Amino acid sequence: VIFFLFFPGIDMLRLFIERIVNGRNPFDGDKNHIHH
């Protein structure tokens, strides 16, 4: 189950960490996703 749900999950985790480190709301949108 983790495998087929994992790719969006790991991208979300990375974005949350980066946004929090940069003092931003983790739910704020940006164009820093892996697909962008």
PDB file of all heavy atoms in Angstrom:
ATOM      1  N   VAL A   1       0.841  -1.200   0.000  1.00  0.00           N
ATOM      2  CA  VAL A   1       0.000   0.000   0.000  1.00  0.00           C
ATOM      3  C   VAL A   1       0.879   1.254   0.000  1.00  0.00           C
ATOM      4  O   VAL A   1       0.640   2.205  -0.750  1.00  0.00           O
ATOM      5  CB  VAL A   1      -0.944   0.022   1.223  1.00  0.00           C
ATOM      6  CG1 VAL A   1      -1.733   1.332   1.267  1.00  0.00           C
ATOM      7  CG2 VAL A   1      -1.895  -1.166   1.185  1.00  0.00           C
ATOM      8  N   ILE A   2       1.918   1.243   0.823  1.00  0.00           N
ATOM      9  CA  ILE A   2       2.835   2.380   0.884  1.00  0.00           C
ATOM     10  C   ILE A   2       3.466   2.629  -0.477  1.00  0.00           C
ATOM     11  O   ILE A   2       3.600   3.775  -0.915  1.00  0.00           O
ATOM     12  CB  ILE A   2       3.933   2.142   1.946  1.00  0.00           C
ATOM     13  CG1 ILE A   2       3.319   2.179   3.346  1.00  0.00           C
ATOM     14  CG2 ILE A   2       5.040   3.188   1.835  1.00  0.00           C
ATOM     15  CD1 ILE A   2       4.264   1.710   4.441  1.00  0.00           C
ATOM     16  N   PHE A   3       3.837   1.545  -1.179  1.00  0.00           N
ATOM     17  CA  PHE A   3       4.500   1.701  -2.471  1.00  0.00           C
ATOM     18  C   PHE A   3       3.649   2.463  -3.468  1.00  0.00           C
ATOM     19  O   PHE A   3       4.099   3.428  -4.079  1.00  0.00           O
ATOM     20  CB  PHE A   3       4.874   0.335  -3.055  1.00  0.00           C
ATOM     21  CG  PHE A   3       5.419   0.419  -4.457  1.00  0.00           C
ATOM     22  CD1 PHE A   3       6.744   0.750  -4.671  1.00  0.00           C
ATOM     23  CD2 PHE A   3       4.599   0.189  -5.560  1.00  0.00           C
ATOM     24  CE1 PHE A   3       7.242   0.846  -5.969  1.00  0.00           C
ATOM     25  CE2 PHE A   3       5.099   0.280  -6.846  1.00  0.00           C
ATOM     26  CZ  PHE A   3       6.424   0.610  -7.048  1.00  0.00           C
ATOM     27  N   PHE A   4       2.386   2.048  -3.650  1.00  0.00           N
ATOM     28  CA  PHE A   4       1.634   2.710  -4.709  1.00  0.00           C
ATOM     29  C   PHE A   4       1.030   4.049  -4.282  1.00  0.00           C
ATOM     30  O   PHE A   4       0.497   4.788  -5.105  1.00  0.00           O
ATOM     31  CB  PHE A   4       0.607   1.782  -5.373  1.00  0.00           C
ATOM     32  CG  PHE A   4      -0.438   1.157  -4.491  1.00  0.00           C
ATOM     33  CD1 PHE A   4      -1.501   1.887  -4.007  1.00  0.00           C
ATOM     34  CD2 PHE A   4      -0.379  -0.197  -4.202  1.00  0.00           C
ATOM     35  CE1 PHE A   4      -2.487   1.298  -3.253  1.00  0.00           C
ATOM     36  CE2 PHE A   4      -1.356  -0.798  -3.425  1.00  0.00           C
ATOM     37  CZ  PHE A   4      -2.411  -0.056  -2.950  1.00  0.00           C
ATOM     38  N   LEU A   5       1.156   4.413  -2.993  1.00  0.00           N
ATOM     39  CA  LEU A   5       0.726   5.752  -2.566  1.00  0.00           C
ATOM     40  C   LEU A   5       1.918   6.666  -2.272  1.00  0.00           C
ATOM     41  O   LEU A   5       1.735   7.827  -1.903  1.00  0.00           O
ATOM     42  CB  LEU A   5      -0.143   5.642  -1.299  1.00  0.00           C
ATOM     43  CG  LEU A   5      -1.368   4.735  -1.347  1.00  0.00           C
ATOM     44  CD1 LEU A   5      -2.124   4.803  -0.019  1.00  0.00           C
ATOM     45  CD2 LEU A   5      -2.294   5.118  -2.489  1.00  0.00           C
ATOM     46  N   PHE A   6       3.130   6.159  -2.469  1.00  0.00           N
ATOM     47  CA  PHE A   6       4.312   6.769  -1.881  1.00  0.00           C
ATOM     48  C   PHE A   6       4.830   8.016  -2.599  1.00  0.00           C
ATOM     49  O   PHE A   6       5.256   8.966  -1.957  1.00  0.00           O
ATOM     50  CB  PHE A   6       5.427   5.720  -1.811  1.00  0.00           C
ATOM     51  CG  PHE A   6       6.565   6.111  -0.913  1.00  0.00           C
ATOM     52  CD1 PHE A   6       6.338   6.549   0.373  1.00  0.00           C
ATOM     53  CD2 PHE A   6       7.878   6.033  -1.355  1.00  0.00           C
ATOM     54  CE1 PHE A   6       7.379   6.898   1.212  1.00  0.00           C
ATOM     55  CE2 PHE A   6       8.929   6.382  -0.536  1.00  0.00           C
ATOM     56  CZ  PHE A   6       8.688   6.815   0.748  1.00  0.00           C
ATOM     57  N   PHE A   7       4.816   8.047  -3.922  1.00  0.00           N
ATOM     58  CA  PHE A   7       5.481   9.145  -4.633  1.00  0.00           C
ATOM     59  C   PHE A   7       4.882  10.512  -4.300  1.00  0.00           C
ATOM     60  O   PHE A   7       5.611  11.454  -3.982  1.00  0.00           O
ATOM     61  CB  PHE A   7       5.457   8.892  -6.142  1.00  0.00           C
ATOM     62  CG  PHE A   7       6.554   9.623  -6.873  1.00  0.00           C
ATOM     63  CD1 PHE A   7       7.789   9.032  -7.064  1.00  0.00           C
ATOM     64  CD2 PHE A   7       6.346  10.896  -7.366  1.00  0.00           C
ATOM     65  CE1 PHE A   7       8.808   9.703  -7.726  1.00  0.00           C
ATOM     66  CE2 PHE A   7       7.350  11.581  -8.033  1.00  0.00           C
ATOM     67  CZ  PHE A   7       8.590  10.978  -8.214  1.00  0.00           C
ATOM     68  N   PRO A   8       3.539  10.677  -4.352  1.00  0.00           N
ATOM     69  CA  PRO A   8       2.982  11.970  -3.910  1.00  0.00           C
ATOM     70  C   PRO A   8       3.310  12.261  -2.456  1.00  0.00           C
ATOM     71  O   PRO A   8       3.513  13.420  -2.066  1.00  0.00           O
ATOM     72  CB  PRO A   8       1.471  11.790  -4.110  1.00  0.00           C
ATOM     73  CG  PRO A   8       1.347  10.701  -5.112  1.00  0.00           C
ATOM     74  CD  PRO A   8       2.491   9.773  -4.853  1.00  0.00           C
ATOM     75  N   GLY A   9       3.380  11.200  -1.628  1.00  0.00           N
ATOM     76  CA  GLY A   9       3.653  11.374  -0.203  1.00  0.00           C
ATOM     77  C   GLY A   9       5.041  11.912   0.069  1.00  0.00           C
ATOM     78  O   GLY A   9       5.218  12.823   0.891  1.00  0.00           O
ATOM     79  N   ILE A  10       6.047  11.384  -0.609  1.00  0.00           N
ATOM     80  CA  ILE A  10       7.412  11.834  -0.366  1.00  0.00           C
ATOM     81  C   ILE A  10       7.623  13.259  -0.878  1.00  0.00           C
ATOM     82  O   ILE A  10       8.359  14.054  -0.294  1.00  0.00           O
ATOM     83  CB  ILE A  10       8.449  10.851  -0.980  1.00  0.00           C
ATOM     84  CG1 ILE A  10       9.845  11.145  -0.435  1.00  0.00           C
ATOM     85  CG2 ILE A  10       8.441  10.912  -2.492  1.00  0.00           C
ATOM     86  CD1 ILE A  10      10.884  10.123  -0.859  1.00  0.00           C
ATOM     87  N   ASP A  11       6.934  13.620  -1.966  1.00  0.00           N
ATOM     88  CA  ASP A  11       7.029  14.989  -2.475  1.00  0.00           C
ATOM     89  C   ASP A  11       6.369  15.961  -1.495  1.00  0.00           C
ATOM     90  O   ASP A  11       6.890  17.053  -1.245  1.00  0.00           O
ATOM     91  CB  ASP A  11       6.363  15.092  -3.847  1.00  0.00           C
ATOM     92  CG  ASP A  11       6.772  16.349  -4.595  1.00  0.00           C
ATOM     93  OD1 ASP A  11       7.972  16.679  -4.601  1.00  0.00           O
ATOM     94  OD2 ASP A  11       5.894  17.012  -5.173  1.00  0.00           O
ATOM     95  N   MET A  12       5.231  15.572  -0.917  1.00  0.00           N
ATOM     96  CA  MET A  12       4.573  16.403   0.079  1.00  0.00           C
ATOM     97  C   MET A  12       5.459  16.596   1.304  1.00  0.00           C
ATOM     98  O   MET A  12       5.599  17.714   1.827  1.00  0.00           O
ATOM     99  CB  MET A  12       3.242  15.779   0.503  1.00  0.00           C
ATOM    100  CG  MET A  12       2.517  16.548   1.603  1.00  0.00           C
ATOM    101  SD  MET A  12       1.059  15.680   2.247  1.00  0.00           S
ATOM    102  CE  MET A  12       1.867  14.303   3.114  1.00  0.00           C
ATOM    103  N   LEU A  13       6.091  15.523   1.779  1.00  0.00           N
ATOM    104  CA  LEU A  13       6.967  15.605   2.950  1.00  0.00           C
ATOM    105  C   LEU A  13       8.117  16.567   2.698  1.00  0.00           C
ATOM    106  O   LEU A  13       8.433  17.421   3.541  1.00  0.00           O
ATOM    107  CB  LEU A  13       7.514  14.210   3.287  1.00  0.00           C
ATOM    108  CG  LEU A  13       8.500  14.133   4.459  1.00  0.00           C
ATOM    109  CD1 LEU A  13       7.831  14.595   5.750  1.00  0.00           C
ATOM    110  CD2 LEU A  13       9.047  12.713   4.599  1.00  0.00           C
ATOM    111  N   ARG A  14       8.731  16.446   1.530  1.00  0.00           N
ATOM    112  CA  ARG A  14       9.844  17.354   1.196  1.00  0.00           C
ATOM    113  C   ARG A  14       9.385  18.801   1.138  1.00  0.00           C
ATOM    114  O   ARG A  14      10.042  19.705   1.682  1.00  0.00           O
ATOM    115  CB  ARG A  14      10.430  16.906  -0.153  1.00  0.00           C
ATOM    116  CG  ARG A  14      11.742  17.580  -0.541  1.00  0.00           C
ATOM    117  CD  ARG A  14      11.558  18.732  -1.497  1.00  0.00           C
ATOM    118  NE  ARG A  14      10.804  18.371  -2.679  1.00  0.00           N
ATOM    119  CZ  ARG A  14      10.397  19.264  -3.586  1.00  0.00           C
ATOM    120  NH1 ARG A  14      10.631  20.555  -3.420  1.00  0.00           N
ATOM    121  NH2 ARG A  14       9.687  18.878  -4.637  1.00  0.00           N
ATOM    122  N   LEU A  15       8.219  19.061   0.525  1.00  0.00           N
ATOM    123  CA  LEU A  15       7.694  20.420   0.429  1.00  0.00           C
ATOM    124  C   LEU A  15       7.347  20.987   1.804  1.00  0.00           C
ATOM    125  O   LEU A  15       7.631  22.157   2.098  1.00  0.00           O
ATOM    126  CB  LEU A  15       6.455  20.434  -0.468  1.00  0.00           C
ATOM    127  CG  LEU A  15       6.718  20.299  -1.966  1.00  0.00           C
ATOM    128  CD1 LEU A  15       5.431  19.942  -2.697  1.00  0.00           C
ATOM    129  CD2 LEU A  15       7.298  21.581  -2.536  1.00  0.00           C
ATOM    130  N   PHE A  16       6.723  20.171   2.661  1.00  0.00           N
ATOM    131  CA  PHE A  16       6.381  20.620   4.009  1.00  0.00           C
ATOM    132  C   PHE A  16       7.640  21.033   4.773  1.00  0.00           C
ATOM    133  O   PHE A  16       7.668  22.080   5.424  1.00  0.00           O
ATOM    134  CB  PHE A  16       5.650  19.508   4.769  1.00  0.00           C
ATOM    135  CG  PHE A  16       4.166  19.456   4.502  1.00  0.00           C
ATOM    136  CD1 PHE A  16       3.587  20.221   3.505  1.00  0.00           C
ATOM    137  CD2 PHE A  16       3.340  18.628   5.256  1.00  0.00           C
ATOM    138  CE1 PHE A  16       2.220  20.173   3.243  1.00  0.00           C
ATOM    139  CE2 PHE A  16       1.976  18.572   5.019  1.00  0.00           C
ATOM    140  CZ  PHE A  16       1.409  19.344   4.012  1.00  0.00           C
ATOM    141  N   ILE A  17       8.684  20.200   4.691  1.00  0.00           N
ATOM    142  CA  ILE A  17       9.928  20.500   5.408  1.00  0.00           C
ATOM    143  C   ILE A  17      10.552  21.792   4.892  1.00  0.00           C
ATOM    144  O   ILE A  17      10.949  22.665   5.674  1.00  0.00           O
ATOM    145  CB  ILE A  17      10.916  19.325   5.275  1.00  0.00           C
ATOM    146  CG1 ILE A  17      10.394  18.102   6.035  1.00  0.00           C
ATOM    147  CG2 ILE A  17      12.295  19.722   5.799  1.00  0.00           C
ATOM    148  CD1 ILE A  17      11.198  16.841   5.790  1.00  0.00           C
ATOM    149  N   GLU A  18      10.620  21.936   3.571  1.00  0.00           N
ATOM    150  CA  GLU A  18      11.224  23.137   2.986  1.00  0.00           C
ATOM    151  C   GLU A  18      10.446  24.391   3.361  1.00  0.00           C
ATOM    152  O   GLU A  18      11.031  25.436   3.689  1.00  0.00           O
ATOM    153  CB  GLU A  18      11.283  23.003   1.459  1.00  0.00           C
ATOM    154  CG  GLU A  18      12.345  22.033   0.973  1.00  0.00           C
ATOM    155  CD  GLU A  18      12.465  22.011  -0.537  1.00  0.00           C
ATOM    156  OE1 GLU A  18      11.624  22.651  -1.223  1.00  0.00           O
ATOM    157  OE2 GLU A  18      13.394  21.360  -1.045  1.00  0.00           O
ATOM    158  N   ARG A  19       9.114  24.319   3.321  1.00  0.00           N
ATOM    159  CA  ARG A  19       8.300  25.486   3.629  1.00  0.00           C
ATOM    160  C   ARG A  19       8.431  25.881   5.098  1.00  0.00           C
ATOM    161  O   ARG A  19       8.527  27.066   5.427  1.00  0.00           O
ATOM    162  CB  ARG A  19       6.836  25.218   3.275  1.00  0.00           C
ATOM    163  CG  ARG A  19       6.589  25.125   1.771  1.00  0.00           C
ATOM    164  CD  ARG A  19       5.199  24.584   1.453  1.00  0.00           C
ATOM    165  NE  ARG A  19       4.998  24.414   0.020  1.00  0.00           N
ATOM    166  CZ  ARG A  19       3.923  23.858  -0.516  1.00  0.00           C
ATOM    167  NH1 ARG A  19       2.949  23.397   0.263  1.00  0.00           N
ATOM    168  NH2 ARG A  19       3.817  23.740  -1.821  1.00  0.00           N
ATOM    169  N   ILE A  20       8.432  24.891   5.985  1.00  0.00           N
ATOM    170  CA  ILE A  20       8.562  25.177   7.417  1.00  0.00           C
ATOM    171  C   ILE A  20       9.930  25.775   7.724  1.00  0.00           C
ATOM    172  O   ILE A  20      10.052  26.755   8.468  1.00  0.00           O
ATOM    173  CB  ILE A  20       8.325  23.896   8.250  1.00  0.00           C
ATOM    174  CG1 ILE A  20       6.851  23.477   8.155  1.00  0.00           C
ATOM    175  CG2 ILE A  20       8.715  24.117   9.715  1.00  0.00           C
ATOM    176  CD1 ILE A  20       6.558  22.109   8.727  1.00  0.00           C
ATOM    177  N   VAL A  21      10.991  25.199   7.124  1.00  0.00           N
ATOM    178  CA  VAL A  21      12.355  25.721   7.316  1.00  0.00           C
ATOM    179  C   VAL A  21      12.454  27.161   6.839  1.00  0.00           C
ATOM    180  O   VAL A  21      13.145  27.991   7.444  1.00  0.00           O
ATOM    181  CB  VAL A  21      13.378  24.828   6.572  1.00  0.00           C
ATOM    182  CG1 VAL A  21      14.738  25.515   6.496  1.00  0.00           C
ATOM    183  CG2 VAL A  21      13.505  23.478   7.255  1.00  0.00           C
ATOM    184  N   ASN A  22      11.719  27.490   5.774  1.00  0.00           N
ATOM    185  CA  ASN A  22      11.738  28.849   5.225  1.00  0.00           C
ATOM    186  C   ASN A  22      10.720  29.772   5.880  1.00  0.00           C
ATOM    187  O   ASN A  22      10.491  30.894   5.417  1.00  0.00           O
ATOM    188  CB  ASN A  22      11.482  28.805   3.714  1.00  0.00           C
ATOM    189  CG  ASN A  22      12.635  28.155   2.962  1.00  0.00           C
ATOM    190  OD1 ASN A  22      13.796  28.317   3.318  1.00  0.00           O
ATOM    191  ND2 ASN A  22      12.318  27.394   1.920  1.00  0.00           N
ATOM    192  N   GLY A  23      10.090  29.300   6.973  1.00  0.00           N
ATOM    193  CA  GLY A  23       9.169  30.134   7.731  1.00  0.00           C
ATOM    194  C   GLY A  23       7.825  30.348   7.068  1.00  0.00           C
ATOM    195  O   GLY A  23       7.141  31.336   7.353  1.00  0.00           O
ATOM    196  N   ARG A  24       7.415  29.400   6.220  1.00  0.00           N
ATOM    197  CA  ARG A  24       6.139  29.521   5.517  1.00  0.00           C
ATOM    198  C   ARG A  24       5.145  28.495   6.027  1.00  0.00           C
ATOM    199  O   ARG A  24       5.510  27.479   6.618  1.00  0.00           O
ATOM    200  CB  ARG A  24       6.350  29.320   4.015  1.00  0.00           C
ATOM    201  CG  ARG A  24       7.211  30.362   3.341  1.00  0.00           C
ATOM    202  CD  ARG A  24       7.464  29.999   1.898  1.00  0.00           C
ATOM    203  NE  ARG A  24       6.211  29.729   1.205  1.00  0.00           N
ATOM    204  CZ  ARG A  24       6.113  28.900   0.171  1.00  0.00           C
ATOM    205  NH1 ARG A  24       7.171  28.253  -0.268  1.00  0.00           N
ATOM    206  NH2 ARG A  24       4.934  28.719  -0.406  1.00  0.00           N
ATOM    207  N   ASN A  25       3.867  28.769   5.780  1.00  0.00           N
ATOM    208  CA  ASN A  25       2.818  27.807   6.081  1.00  0.00           C
ATOM    209  C   ASN A  25       3.013  26.586   5.178  1.00  0.00           C
ATOM    210  O   ASN A  25       3.111  26.738   3.955  1.00  0.00           O
ATOM    211  CB  ASN A  25       1.441  28.443   5.825  1.00  0.00           C
ATOM    212  CG  ASN A  25       0.284  27.546   6.244  1.00  0.00           C
ATOM    213  OD1 ASN A  25       0.335  26.324   6.128  1.00  0.00           O
ATOM    214  ND2 ASN A  25      -0.783  28.160   6.721  1.00  0.00           N
ATOM    215  N   PRO A  26       3.079  25.369   5.741  1.00  0.00           N
ATOM    216  CA  PRO A  26       3.312  24.183   4.894  1.00  0.00           C
ATOM    217  C   PRO A  26       2.224  23.949   3.862  1.00  0.00           C
ATOM    218  O   PRO A  26       2.438  23.216   2.883  1.00  0.00           O
ATOM    219  CB  PRO A  26       3.377  23.027   5.905  1.00  0.00           C
ATOM    220  CG  PRO A  26       2.692  23.541   7.130  1.00  0.00           C
ATOM    221  CD  PRO A  26       2.967  25.017   7.162  1.00  0.00           C
ATOM    222  N   PHE A  27       1.042  24.570   4.051  1.00  0.00           N
ATOM    223  CA  PHE A  27      -0.063  24.377   3.115  1.00  0.00           C
ATOM    224  C   PHE A  27      -0.132  25.470   2.051  1.00  0.00           C
ATOM    225  O   PHE A  27      -1.006  25.444   1.192  1.00  0.00           O
ATOM    226  CB  PHE A  27      -1.394  24.296   3.873  1.00  0.00           C
ATOM    227  CG  PHE A  27      -1.499  23.104   4.775  1.00  0.00           C
ATOM    228  CD1 PHE A  27      -1.302  23.240   6.139  1.00  0.00           C
ATOM    229  CD2 PHE A  27      -1.771  21.846   4.261  1.00  0.00           C
ATOM    230  CE1 PHE A  27      -1.383  22.138   6.980  1.00  0.00           C
ATOM    231  CE2 PHE A  27      -1.856  20.737   5.094  1.00  0.00           C
ATOM    232  CZ  PHE A  27      -1.656  20.889   6.465  1.00  0.00           C
ATOM    233  N   ASP A  28       0.790  26.444   2.115  1.00  0.00           N
ATOM    234  CA  ASP A  28       0.842  27.474   1.080  1.00  0.00           C
ATOM    235  C   ASP A  28       1.292  26.862  -0.248  1.00  0.00           C
ATOM    236  O   ASP A  28       2.200  26.018  -0.271  1.00  0.00           O
ATOM    237  CB  ASP A  28       1.812  28.591   1.470  1.00  0.00           C
ATOM    238  CG  ASP A  28       1.229  29.521   2.516  1.00  0.00           C
ATOM    239  OD1 ASP A  28       0.008  29.461   2.742  1.00  0.00           O
ATOM    240  OD2 ASP A  28       1.998  30.303   3.109  1.00  0.00           O
ATOM    241  N   GLY A  29       0.657  27.292  -1.332  1.00  0.00           N
ATOM    242  CA  GLY A  29       1.015  26.755  -2.639  1.00  0.00           C
ATOM    243  C   GLY A  29       2.286  27.370  -3.193  1.00  0.00           C
ATOM    244  O   GLY A  29       2.664  28.488  -2.844  1.00  0.00           O
ATOM    245  N   ASP A  30       2.968  26.647  -4.058  1.00  0.00           N
ATOM    246  CA  ASP A  30       4.115  27.179  -4.788  1.00  0.00           C
ATOM    247  C   ASP A  30       4.335  26.295  -6.021  1.00  0.00           C
ATOM    248  O   ASP A  30       3.574  25.353  -6.271  1.00  0.00           O
ATOM    249  CB  ASP A  30       5.376  27.238  -3.920  1.00  0.00           C
ATOM    250  CG  ASP A  30       5.786  25.887  -3.344  1.00  0.00           C
ATOM    251  OD1 ASP A  30       5.565  24.863  -4.019  1.00  0.00           O
ATOM    252  OD2 ASP A  30       6.311  25.845  -2.219  1.00  0.00           O
ATOM    253  N   LYS A  31       5.370  26.611  -6.776  1.00  0.00           N
ATOM    254  CA  LYS A  31       5.700  25.836  -7.986  1.00  0.00           C
ATOM    255  C   LYS A  31       7.027  25.111  -7.798  1.00  0.00           C
ATOM    256  O   LYS A  31       7.842  25.031  -8.713  1.00  0.00           O
ATOM    257  CB  LYS A  31       5.729  26.759  -9.203  1.00  0.00           C
ATOM    258  CG  LYS A  31       4.336  27.233  -9.625  1.00  0.00           C
ATOM    259  CD  LYS A  31       4.390  28.416 -10.574  1.00  0.00           C
ATOM    260  CE  LYS A  31       5.127  28.094 -11.843  1.00  0.00           C
ATOM    261  NZ  LYS A  31       5.167  29.246 -12.780  1.00  0.00           N
ATOM    262  N   ASN A  32       7.202  24.571  -6.580  1.00  0.00           N
ATOM    263  CA  ASN A  32       8.430  23.868  -6.242  1.00  0.00           C
ATOM    264  C   ASN A  32       8.213  22.359  -6.173  1.00  0.00           C
ATOM    265  O   ASN A  32       9.047  21.626  -5.662  1.00  0.00           O
ATOM    266  CB  ASN A  32       8.961  24.388  -4.897  1.00  0.00           C
ATOM    267  CG  ASN A  32      10.376  23.926  -4.624  1.00  0.00           C
ATOM    268  OD1 ASN A  32      11.168  23.705  -5.546  1.00  0.00           O
ATOM    269  ND2 ASN A  32      10.700  23.737  -3.357  1.00  0.00           N
ATOM    270  N   HIS A  33       7.064  21.893  -6.681  1.00  0.00           N
ATOM    271  CA  HIS A  33       6.780  20.457  -6.681  1.00  0.00           C
ATOM    272  C   HIS A  33       7.721  19.748  -7.656  1.00  0.00           C
ATOM    273  O   HIS A  33       8.261  20.369  -8.581  1.00  0.00           O
ATOM    274  CB  HIS A  33       5.333  20.197  -7.106  1.00  0.00           C
ATOM    275  CG  HIS A  33       4.318  20.838  -6.210  1.00  0.00           C
ATOM    276  ND1 HIS A  33       4.150  22.205  -6.148  1.00  0.00           N
ATOM    277  CD2 HIS A  33       3.425  20.310  -5.333  1.00  0.00           C
ATOM    278  CE1 HIS A  33       3.189  22.493  -5.272  1.00  0.00           C
ATOM    279  NE2 HIS A  33       2.742  21.368  -4.768  1.00  0.00           N
ATOM    280  N   ILE A  34       7.880  18.454  -7.477  1.00  0.00           N
ATOM    281  CA  ILE A  34       8.799  17.699  -8.329  1.00  0.00           C
ATOM    282  C   ILE A  34       8.388  17.778  -9.800  1.00  0.00           C
ATOM    283  O   ILE A  34       9.238  17.860 -10.692  1.00  0.00           O
ATOM    284  CB  ILE A  34       8.905  16.224  -7.853  1.00  0.00           C
ATOM    285  CG1 ILE A  34      10.055  15.502  -8.563  1.00  0.00           C
ATOM    286  CG2 ILE A  34       7.591  15.485  -8.059  1.00  0.00           C
ATOM    287  CD1 ILE A  34      11.424  16.006  -8.177  1.00  0.00           C
ATOM    288  N   HIS A  35       7.076  17.807 -10.078  1.00  0.00           N
ATOM    289  CA  HIS A  35       6.642  17.869 -11.478  1.00  0.00           C
ATOM    290  C   HIS A  35       6.950  19.231 -12.104  1.00  0.00           C
ATOM    291  O   HIS A  35       7.217  19.324 -13.292  1.00  0.00           O
ATOM    292  CB  HIS A  35       5.149  17.533 -11.619  1.00  0.00           C
ATOM    293  CG  HIS A  35       4.265  18.190 -10.617  1.00  0.00           C
ATOM    294  ND1 HIS A  35       3.912  17.585  -9.425  1.00  0.00           N
ATOM    295  CD2 HIS A  35       3.645  19.397 -10.621  1.00  0.00           C
ATOM    296  CE1 HIS A  35       3.106  18.391  -8.749  1.00  0.00           C
ATOM    297  NE2 HIS A  35       2.934  19.492  -9.451  1.00  0.00           N
ATOM    298  N   HIS A  36       6.919  20.296 -11.301  1.00  0.00           N
ATOM    299  CA  HIS A  36       7.287  21.619 -11.827  1.00  0.00           C
ATOM    300  C   HIS A  36       8.778  21.662 -12.149  1.00  0.00           C
ATOM    301  O   HIS A  36       9.198  22.233 -13.169  1.00  0.00           O
ATOM    302  CB  HIS A  36       6.958  22.712 -10.807  1.00  0.00           C
ATOM    303  CG  HIS A  36       5.490  22.919 -10.611  1.00  0.00           C
ATOM    304  ND1 HIS A  36       4.906  23.009  -9.376  1.00  0.00           N
ATOM    305  CD2 HIS A  36       4.476  23.034 -11.497  1.00  0.00           C
ATOM    306  CE1 HIS A  36       3.602  23.179  -9.507  1.00  0.00           C
ATOM    307  NE2 HIS A  36       3.322  23.198 -10.785  1.00  0.00           N
TER     308      HIS A  36
END
